[in-house]
Amino acid sequence: VRVLCGSNWSLVLQGQWMLEFYAPWCPACQQ
C-alpha cells in the first residue's frame, strides 16, 4: 500500500488508483 501525504498526493492524478482514507483509532478501518 502506498502511503500518501500532502506532498505526494498528486500521484493519484495519473494512472488508476484506489485510495482509502482511514484513522488508526477507527474500528471499521482496523477491521
PDB file of all heavy atoms in Angstrom:
ATOM      1  N   VAL A   1       0.849  -1.189   0.000  1.00  0.00           N
ATOM      2  CA  VAL A   1       0.000   0.000   0.000  1.00  0.00           C
ATOM      3  C   VAL A   1       0.888   1.243   0.000  1.00  0.00           C
ATOM      4  O   VAL A   1       1.779   1.376   0.829  1.00  0.00           O
ATOM      5  CB  VAL A   1      -0.938   0.019   1.230  1.00  0.00           C
ATOM      6  CG1 VAL A   1      -1.797   1.272   1.234  1.00  0.00           C
ATOM      7  CG2 VAL A   1      -1.806  -1.217   1.259  1.00  0.00           C
ATOM      8  N   ARG A   2       0.632   2.163  -0.933  1.00  0.00           N
ATOM      9  CA  ARG A   2       1.376   3.417  -0.976  1.00  0.00           C
ATOM     10  C   ARG A   2       0.763   4.391   0.026  1.00  0.00           C
ATOM     11  O   ARG A   2      -0.443   4.613   0.022  1.00  0.00           O
ATOM     12  CB  ARG A   2       1.277   4.066  -2.375  1.00  0.00           C
ATOM     13  CG  ARG A   2       1.905   3.298  -3.500  1.00  0.00           C
ATOM     14  CD  ARG A   2       3.398   3.499  -3.649  1.00  0.00           C
ATOM     15  NE  ARG A   2       3.861   4.850  -3.701  1.00  0.00           N
ATOM     16  CZ  ARG A   2       4.175   5.501  -4.817  1.00  0.00           C
ATOM     17  NH1 ARG A   2       4.040   4.925  -5.988  1.00  0.00           N
ATOM     18  NH2 ARG A   2       4.625   6.734  -4.753  1.00  0.00           N
ATOM     19  N   VAL A   3       1.589   4.972   0.867  1.00  0.00           N
ATOM     20  CA  VAL A   3       1.127   5.959   1.843  1.00  0.00           C
ATOM     21  C   VAL A   3       1.200   7.325   1.182  1.00  0.00           C
ATOM     22  O   VAL A   3       2.254   7.738   0.702  1.00  0.00           O
ATOM     23  CB  VAL A   3       1.993   5.921   3.118  1.00  0.00           C
ATOM     24  CG1 VAL A   3       1.565   7.014   4.079  1.00  0.00           C
ATOM     25  CG2 VAL A   3       1.894   4.552   3.780  1.00  0.00           C
ATOM     26  N   LEU A   4       0.063   8.005   1.159  1.00  0.00           N
ATOM     27  CA  LEU A   4       0.012   9.328   0.538  1.00  0.00           C
ATOM     28  C   LEU A   4      -0.075  10.408   1.604  1.00  0.00           C
ATOM     29  O   LEU A   4      -0.652  10.217   2.662  1.00  0.00           O
ATOM     30  CB  LEU A   4      -1.181   9.430  -0.405  1.00  0.00           C
ATOM     31  CG  LEU A   4      -1.087   8.525  -1.639  1.00  0.00           C
ATOM     32  CD1 LEU A   4      -2.356   8.606  -2.450  1.00  0.00           C
ATOM     33  CD2 LEU A   4       0.101   8.884  -2.499  1.00  0.00           C
ATOM     34  N   CYS A   5       0.521  11.551   1.270  1.00  0.00           N
ATOM     35  CA  CYS A   5       0.516  12.697   2.172  1.00  0.00           C
ATOM     36  C   CYS A   5       0.348  13.960   1.335  1.00  0.00           C
ATOM     37  O   CYS A   5       0.212  13.893   0.110  1.00  0.00           O
ATOM     38  CB  CYS A   5       1.799  12.731   3.001  1.00  0.00           C
ATOM     39  SG  CYS A   5       3.288  12.846   2.020  1.00  0.00           S
ATOM     40  N   GLY A   6       0.386  15.095   1.987  1.00  0.00           N
ATOM     41  CA  GLY A   6       0.187  16.362   1.302  1.00  0.00           C
ATOM     42  C   GLY A   6       1.197  16.626   0.202  1.00  0.00           C
ATOM     43  O   GLY A   6       0.887  17.275  -0.799  1.00  0.00           O
ATOM     44  N   SER A   7       2.409  16.121   0.348  1.00  0.00           N
ATOM     45  CA  SER A   7       3.452  16.404  -0.639  1.00  0.00           C
ATOM     46  C   SER A   7       3.433  15.465  -1.848  1.00  0.00           C
ATOM     47  O   SER A   7       3.970  15.808  -2.895  1.00  0.00           O
ATOM     48  CB  SER A   7       4.831  16.348   0.029  1.00  0.00           C
ATOM     49  OG  SER A   7       5.073  15.052   0.533  1.00  0.00           O
ATOM     50  N   ASN A   8       2.818  14.295  -1.727  1.00  0.00           N
ATOM     51  CA  ASN A   8       2.828  13.369  -2.869  1.00  0.00           C
ATOM     52  C   ASN A   8       1.435  12.948  -3.344  1.00  0.00           C
ATOM     53  O   ASN A   8       1.312  12.052  -4.166  1.00  0.00           O
ATOM     54  CB  ASN A   8       3.666  12.133  -2.540  1.00  0.00           C
ATOM     55  CG  ASN A   8       3.024  11.208  -1.539  1.00  0.00           C
ATOM     56  OD1 ASN A   8       1.986  11.517  -0.949  1.00  0.00           O
ATOM     57  ND2 ASN A   8       3.636  10.066  -1.317  1.00  0.00           N
ATOM     58  N   TRP A   9       0.386  13.582  -2.849  1.00  0.00           N
ATOM     59  CA  TRP A   9      -0.968  13.168  -3.193  1.00  0.00           C
ATOM     60  C   TRP A   9      -1.264  13.291  -4.681  1.00  0.00           C
ATOM     61  O   TRP A   9      -2.084  12.565  -5.233  1.00  0.00           O
ATOM     62  CB  TRP A   9      -2.019  13.961  -2.398  1.00  0.00           C
ATOM     63  CG  TRP A   9      -2.327  15.287  -2.986  1.00  0.00           C
ATOM     64  CD1 TRP A   9      -1.709  16.465  -2.728  1.00  0.00           C
ATOM     65  CD2 TRP A   9      -3.321  15.567  -3.977  1.00  0.00           C
ATOM     66  NE1 TRP A   9      -2.256  17.459  -3.485  1.00  0.00           N
ATOM     67  CE2 TRP A   9      -3.240  16.937  -4.264  1.00  0.00           C
ATOM     68  CE3 TRP A   9      -4.262  14.791  -4.644  1.00  0.00           C
ATOM     69  CZ2 TRP A   9      -4.069  17.544  -5.205  1.00  0.00           C
ATOM     70  CZ3 TRP A   9      -5.083  15.406  -5.570  1.00  0.00           C
ATOM     71  CH2 TRP A   9      -4.985  16.770  -5.837  1.00  0.00           C
ATOM     72  N   SER A  10      -0.552  14.192  -5.373  1.00  0.00           N
ATOM     73  CA  SER A  10      -0.822  14.410  -6.799  1.00  0.00           C
ATOM     74  C   SER A  10      -0.463  13.195  -7.655  1.00  0.00           C
ATOM     75  O   SER A  10      -0.801  13.160  -8.840  1.00  0.00           O
ATOM     76  CB  SER A  10      -0.107  15.666  -7.296  1.00  0.00           C
ATOM     77  OG  SER A  10       1.289  15.526  -7.128  1.00  0.00           O
ATOM     78  N   LEU A  11       0.176  12.193  -7.063  1.00  0.00           N
ATOM     79  CA  LEU A  11       0.442  10.953  -7.798  1.00  0.00           C
ATOM     80  C   LEU A  11      -0.848  10.310  -8.286  1.00  0.00           C
ATOM     81  O   LEU A  11      -0.864   9.645  -9.323  1.00  0.00           O
ATOM     82  CB  LEU A  11       1.203   9.962  -6.908  1.00  0.00           C
ATOM     83  CG  LEU A  11       2.631  10.321  -6.521  1.00  0.00           C
ATOM     84  CD1 LEU A  11       3.166   9.343  -5.484  1.00  0.00           C
ATOM     85  CD2 LEU A  11       3.526  10.344  -7.745  1.00  0.00           C
ATOM     86  N   VAL A  12      -1.940  10.519  -7.542  1.00  0.00           N
ATOM     87  CA  VAL A  12      -3.214   9.899  -7.917  1.00  0.00           C
ATOM     88  C   VAL A  12      -3.832  10.541  -9.148  1.00  0.00           C
ATOM     89  O   VAL A  12      -4.835  10.046  -9.656  1.00  0.00           O
ATOM     90  CB  VAL A  12      -4.241   9.888  -6.754  1.00  0.00           C
ATOM     91  CG1 VAL A  12      -3.713   9.130  -5.561  1.00  0.00           C
ATOM     92  CG2 VAL A  12      -4.663  11.279  -6.367  1.00  0.00           C
ATOM     93  N   LEU A  13      -3.243  11.612  -9.641  1.00  0.00           N
ATOM     94  CA  LEU A  13      -3.767  12.266 -10.840  1.00  0.00           C
ATOM     95  C   LEU A  13      -3.359  11.532 -12.110  1.00  0.00           C
ATOM     96  O   LEU A  13      -3.849  11.849 -13.194  1.00  0.00           O
ATOM     97  CB  LEU A  13      -3.301  13.726 -10.901  1.00  0.00           C
ATOM     98  CG  LEU A  13      -3.786  14.612  -9.754  1.00  0.00           C
ATOM     99  CD1 LEU A  13      -3.158  16.002  -9.846  1.00  0.00           C
ATOM    100  CD2 LEU A  13      -5.297  14.704  -9.741  1.00  0.00           C
ATOM    101  N   GLN A  14      -2.454  10.567 -11.985  1.00  0.00           N
ATOM    102  CA  GLN A  14      -2.002   9.798 -13.145  1.00  0.00           C
ATOM    103  C   GLN A  14      -2.177   8.313 -12.865  1.00  0.00           C
ATOM    104  O   GLN A  14      -1.822   7.830 -11.791  1.00  0.00           O
ATOM    105  CB  GLN A  14      -0.544  10.102 -13.445  1.00  0.00           C
ATOM    106  CG  GLN A  14      -0.311  11.540 -13.834  1.00  0.00           C
ATOM    107  CD  GLN A  14       1.175  11.854 -13.978  1.00  0.00           C
ATOM    108  OE1 GLN A  14       2.026  11.052 -13.652  1.00  0.00           O
ATOM    109  NE2 GLN A  14       1.454  13.041 -14.469  1.00  0.00           N
ATOM    110  N   GLY A  15      -2.723   7.606 -13.824  1.00  0.00           N
ATOM    111  CA  GLY A  15      -2.932   6.173 -13.673  1.00  0.00           C
ATOM    112  C   GLY A  15      -4.214   5.875 -12.917  1.00  0.00           C
ATOM    113  O   GLY A  15      -5.034   6.751 -12.661  1.00  0.00           O
ATOM    114  N   GLN A  16      -4.364   4.602 -12.580  1.00  0.00           N
ATOM    115  CA  GLN A  16      -5.575   4.152 -11.891  1.00  0.00           C
ATOM    116  C   GLN A  16      -5.235   3.812 -10.444  1.00  0.00           C
ATOM    117  O   GLN A  16      -4.292   3.064 -10.177  1.00  0.00           O
ATOM    118  CB  GLN A  16      -6.161   2.931 -12.608  1.00  0.00           C
ATOM    119  CG  GLN A  16      -7.509   2.561 -12.114  1.00  0.00           C
ATOM    120  CD  GLN A  16      -8.201   1.501 -12.968  1.00  0.00           C
ATOM    121  OE1 GLN A  16      -9.352   1.264 -12.741  1.00  0.00           O
ATOM    122  NE2 GLN A  16      -7.542   0.860 -13.905  1.00  0.00           N
ATOM    123  N   TRP A  17      -6.012   4.355  -9.521  1.00  0.00           N
ATOM    124  CA  TRP A  17      -5.775   4.218  -8.085  1.00  0.00           C
ATOM    125  C   TRP A  17      -7.044   3.826  -7.360  1.00  0.00           C
ATOM    126  O   TRP A  17      -8.148   4.192  -7.776  1.00  0.00           O
ATOM    127  CB  TRP A  17      -5.329   5.554  -7.495  1.00  0.00           C
ATOM    128  CG  TRP A  17      -3.941   5.967  -7.803  1.00  0.00           C
ATOM    129  CD1 TRP A  17      -3.461   6.433  -9.002  1.00  0.00           C
ATOM    130  CD2 TRP A  17      -2.834   5.977  -6.909  1.00  0.00           C
ATOM    131  NE1 TRP A  17      -2.130   6.725  -8.890  1.00  0.00           N
ATOM    132  CE2 TRP A  17      -1.722   6.465  -7.619  1.00  0.00           C
ATOM    133  CE3 TRP A  17      -2.686   5.626  -5.579  1.00  0.00           C
ATOM    134  CZ2 TRP A  17      -0.474   6.598  -7.036  1.00  0.00           C
ATOM    135  CZ3 TRP A  17      -1.444   5.770  -4.986  1.00  0.00           C
ATOM    136  CH2 TRP A  17      -0.349   6.240  -5.713  1.00  0.00           C
ATOM    137  N   MET A  18      -6.852   3.150  -6.239  1.00  0.00           N
ATOM    138  CA  MET A  18      -7.880   3.008  -5.212  1.00  0.00           C
ATOM    139  C   MET A  18      -7.235   3.574  -3.956  1.00  0.00           C
ATOM    140  O   MET A  18      -6.107   3.217  -3.608  1.00  0.00           O
ATOM    141  CB  MET A  18      -8.290   1.554  -4.997  1.00  0.00           C
ATOM    142  CG  MET A  18      -9.140   0.982  -6.119  1.00  0.00           C
ATOM    143  SD  MET A  18     -10.791   1.689  -6.247  1.00  0.00           S
ATOM    144  CE  MET A  18     -11.649   0.779  -4.983  1.00  0.00           C
ATOM    145  N   LEU A  19      -7.949   4.470  -3.303  1.00  0.00           N
ATOM    146  CA  LEU A  19      -7.388   5.230  -2.198  1.00  0.00           C
ATOM    147  C   LEU A  19      -8.321   5.150  -0.990  1.00  0.00           C
ATOM    148  O   LEU A  19      -9.503   5.466  -1.095  1.00  0.00           O
ATOM    149  CB  LEU A  19      -7.217   6.681  -2.652  1.00  0.00           C
ATOM    150  CG  LEU A  19      -6.522   7.666  -1.762  1.00  0.00           C
ATOM    151  CD1 LEU A  19      -5.111   7.204  -1.439  1.00  0.00           C
ATOM    152  CD2 LEU A  19      -6.475   9.022  -2.449  1.00  0.00           C
ATOM    153  N   GLU A  20      -7.757   4.731   0.144  1.00  0.00           N
ATOM    154  CA  GLU A  20      -8.539   4.620   1.382  1.00  0.00           C
ATOM    155  C   GLU A  20      -8.129   5.725   2.351  1.00  0.00           C
ATOM    156  O   GLU A  20      -6.947   5.945   2.595  1.00  0.00           O
ATOM    157  CB  GLU A  20      -8.286   3.271   2.058  1.00  0.00           C
ATOM    158  CG  GLU A  20      -9.008   3.149   3.390  1.00  0.00           C
ATOM    159  CD  GLU A  20      -8.493   2.017   4.269  1.00  0.00           C
ATOM    160  OE1 GLU A  20      -7.360   1.544   4.068  1.00  0.00           O
ATOM    161  OE2 GLU A  20      -9.243   1.635   5.183  1.00  0.00           O
ATOM    162  N   PHE A  21      -9.132   6.387   2.913  1.00  0.00           N
ATOM    163  CA  PHE A  21      -8.914   7.352   3.986  1.00  0.00           C
ATOM    164  C   PHE A  21      -9.325   6.667   5.274  1.00  0.00           C
ATOM    165  O   PHE A  21     -10.442   6.149   5.373  1.00  0.00           O
ATOM    166  CB  PHE A  21      -9.752   8.614   3.757  1.00  0.00           C
ATOM    167  CG  PHE A  21      -9.256   9.429   2.608  1.00  0.00           C
ATOM    168  CD1 PHE A  21      -9.646   9.143   1.311  1.00  0.00           C
ATOM    169  CD2 PHE A  21      -8.369  10.474   2.815  1.00  0.00           C
ATOM    170  CE1 PHE A  21      -9.179   9.886   0.248  1.00  0.00           C
ATOM    171  CE2 PHE A  21      -7.886  11.222   1.762  1.00  0.00           C
ATOM    172  CZ  PHE A  21      -8.293  10.922   0.470  1.00  0.00           C
ATOM    173  N   TYR A  22      -8.420   6.654   6.252  1.00  0.00           N
ATOM    174  CA  TYR A  22      -8.656   5.912   7.487  1.00  0.00           C
ATOM    175  C   TYR A  22      -8.090   6.688   8.671  1.00  0.00           C
ATOM    176  O   TYR A  22      -7.371   7.671   8.517  1.00  0.00           O
ATOM    177  CB  TYR A  22      -7.985   4.538   7.404  1.00  0.00           C
ATOM    178  CG  TYR A  22      -6.486   4.611   7.565  1.00  0.00           C
ATOM    179  CD1 TYR A  22      -5.883   4.342   8.796  1.00  0.00           C
ATOM    180  CD2 TYR A  22      -5.672   4.983   6.512  1.00  0.00           C
ATOM    181  CE1 TYR A  22      -4.503   4.435   8.955  1.00  0.00           C
ATOM    182  CE2 TYR A  22      -4.296   5.077   6.664  1.00  0.00           C
ATOM    183  CZ  TYR A  22      -3.721   4.809   7.884  1.00  0.00           C
ATOM    184  OH  TYR A  22      -2.367   4.920   8.050  1.00  0.00           O
ATOM    185  N   ALA A  23      -8.438   6.223   9.857  1.00  0.00           N
ATOM    186  CA  ALA A  23      -7.836   6.719  11.096  1.00  0.00           C
ATOM    187  C   ALA A  23      -7.434   5.502  11.922  1.00  0.00           C
ATOM    188  O   ALA A  23      -8.174   4.508  11.951  1.00  0.00           O
ATOM    189  CB  ALA A  23      -8.829   7.585  11.871  1.00  0.00           C
ATOM    190  N   PRO A  24      -6.288   5.552  12.569  1.00  0.00           N
ATOM    191  CA  PRO A  24      -5.821   4.397  13.347  1.00  0.00           C
ATOM    192  C   PRO A  24      -6.779   3.984  14.472  1.00  0.00           C
ATOM    193  O   PRO A  24      -6.839   2.815  14.826  1.00  0.00           O
ATOM    194  CB  PRO A  24      -4.488   4.861  13.936  1.00  0.00           C
ATOM    195  CG  PRO A  24      -4.067   6.024  13.128  1.00  0.00           C
ATOM    196  CD  PRO A  24      -5.315   6.638  12.569  1.00  0.00           C
ATOM    197  N   TRP A  25      -7.541   4.920  15.023  1.00  0.00           N
ATOM    198  CA  TRP A  25      -8.455   4.628  16.126  1.00  0.00           C
ATOM    199  C   TRP A  25      -9.815   4.113  15.658  1.00  0.00           C
ATOM    200  O   TRP A  25     -10.628   3.672  16.470  1.00  0.00           O
ATOM    201  CB  TRP A  25      -8.660   5.882  16.973  1.00  0.00           C
ATOM    202  CG  TRP A  25      -9.010   7.091  16.168  1.00  0.00           C
ATOM    203  CD1 TRP A  25      -8.169   8.094  15.788  1.00  0.00           C
ATOM    204  CD2 TRP A  25     -10.288   7.429  15.610  1.00  0.00           C
ATOM    205  NE1 TRP A  25      -8.827   9.035  15.037  1.00  0.00           N
ATOM    206  CE2 TRP A  25     -10.145   8.650  14.913  1.00  0.00           C
ATOM    207  CE3 TRP A  25     -11.541   6.826  15.635  1.00  0.00           C
ATOM    208  CZ2 TRP A  25     -11.181   9.270  14.234  1.00  0.00           C
ATOM    209  CZ3 TRP A  25     -12.591   7.444  14.960  1.00  0.00           C
ATOM    210  CH2 TRP A  25     -12.400   8.649  14.282  1.00  0.00           C
ATOM    211  N   CYS A  26     -10.082   4.136  14.360  1.00  0.00           N
ATOM    212  CA  CYS A  26     -11.395   3.773  13.805  1.00  0.00           C
ATOM    213  C   CYS A  26     -11.560   2.252  13.739  1.00  0.00           C
ATOM    214  O   CYS A  26     -10.809   1.572  13.040  1.00  0.00           O
ATOM    215  CB  CYS A  26     -11.516   4.382  12.409  1.00  0.00           C
ATOM    216  SG  CYS A  26     -12.889   3.766  11.417  1.00  0.00           S
ATOM    217  N   PRO A  27     -12.566   1.681  14.456  1.00  0.00           N
ATOM    218  CA  PRO A  27     -12.764   0.225  14.441  1.00  0.00           C
ATOM    219  C   PRO A  27     -13.063  -0.333  13.048  1.00  0.00           C
ATOM    220  O   PRO A  27     -12.536  -1.385  12.686  1.00  0.00           O
ATOM    221  CB  PRO A  27     -13.963   0.014  15.370  1.00  0.00           C
ATOM    222  CG  PRO A  27     -14.032   1.237  16.212  1.00  0.00           C
ATOM    223  CD  PRO A  27     -13.483   2.356  15.385  1.00  0.00           C
ATOM    224  N   ALA A  28     -13.873   0.363  12.261  1.00  0.00           N
ATOM    225  CA  ALA A  28     -14.187  -0.118  10.905  1.00  0.00           C
ATOM    226  C   ALA A  28     -12.934  -0.113  10.030  1.00  0.00           C
ATOM    227  O   ALA A  28     -12.744  -1.005   9.199  1.00  0.00           O
ATOM    228  CB  ALA A  28     -15.281   0.745  10.281  1.00  0.00           C
ATOM    229  N   CYS A  29     -12.068   0.879  10.226  1.00  0.00           N
ATOM    230  CA  CYS A  29     -10.812   0.958   9.467  1.00  0.00           C
ATOM    231  C   CYS A  29      -9.875  -0.177   9.872  1.00  0.00           C
ATOM    232  O   CYS A  29      -9.229  -0.790   9.013  1.00  0.00           O
ATOM    233  CB  CYS A  29     -10.126   2.301   9.701  1.00  0.00           C
ATOM    234  SG  CYS A  29     -11.122   3.735   9.249  1.00  0.00           S
ATOM    235  N   GLN A  30      -9.812  -0.457  11.155  1.00  0.00           N
ATOM    236  CA  GLN A  30      -8.965  -1.546  11.647  1.00  0.00           C
ATOM    237  C   GLN A  30      -9.451  -2.884  11.094  1.00  0.00           C
ATOM    238  O   GLN A  30      -8.653  -3.742  10.727  1.00  0.00           O
ATOM    239  CB  GLN A  30      -8.978  -1.571  13.175  1.00  0.00           C
ATOM    240  CG  GLN A  30      -8.305  -0.381  13.799  1.00  0.00           C
ATOM    241  CD  GLN A  30      -8.586  -0.267  15.288  1.00  0.00           C
ATOM    242  OE1 GLN A  30      -9.340  -1.040  15.864  1.00  0.00           O
ATOM    243  NE2 GLN A  30      -7.971   0.725  15.931  1.00  0.00           N
ATOM    244  N   GLN A  31     -10.765  -3.027  11.026  1.00  0.00           N
ATOM    245  CA  GLN A  31     -11.365  -4.253  10.520  1.00  0.00           C
ATOM    246  C   GLN A  31     -11.036  -4.455   9.035  1.00  0.00           C
ATOM    247  O   GLN A  31     -10.885  -5.577   8.574  1.00  0.00           O
ATOM    248  CB  GLN A  31     -12.876  -4.173  10.719  1.00  0.00           C
ATOM    249  CG  GLN A  31     -13.603  -5.461  10.654  1.00  0.00           C
ATOM    250  CD  GLN A  31     -15.055  -5.268  11.062  1.00  0.00           C
ATOM    251  OE1 GLN A  31     -15.656  -4.213  10.821  1.00  0.00           O
ATOM    252  NE2 GLN A  31     -15.640  -6.282  11.672  1.00  0.00           N
TER     253      GLN A  31
END
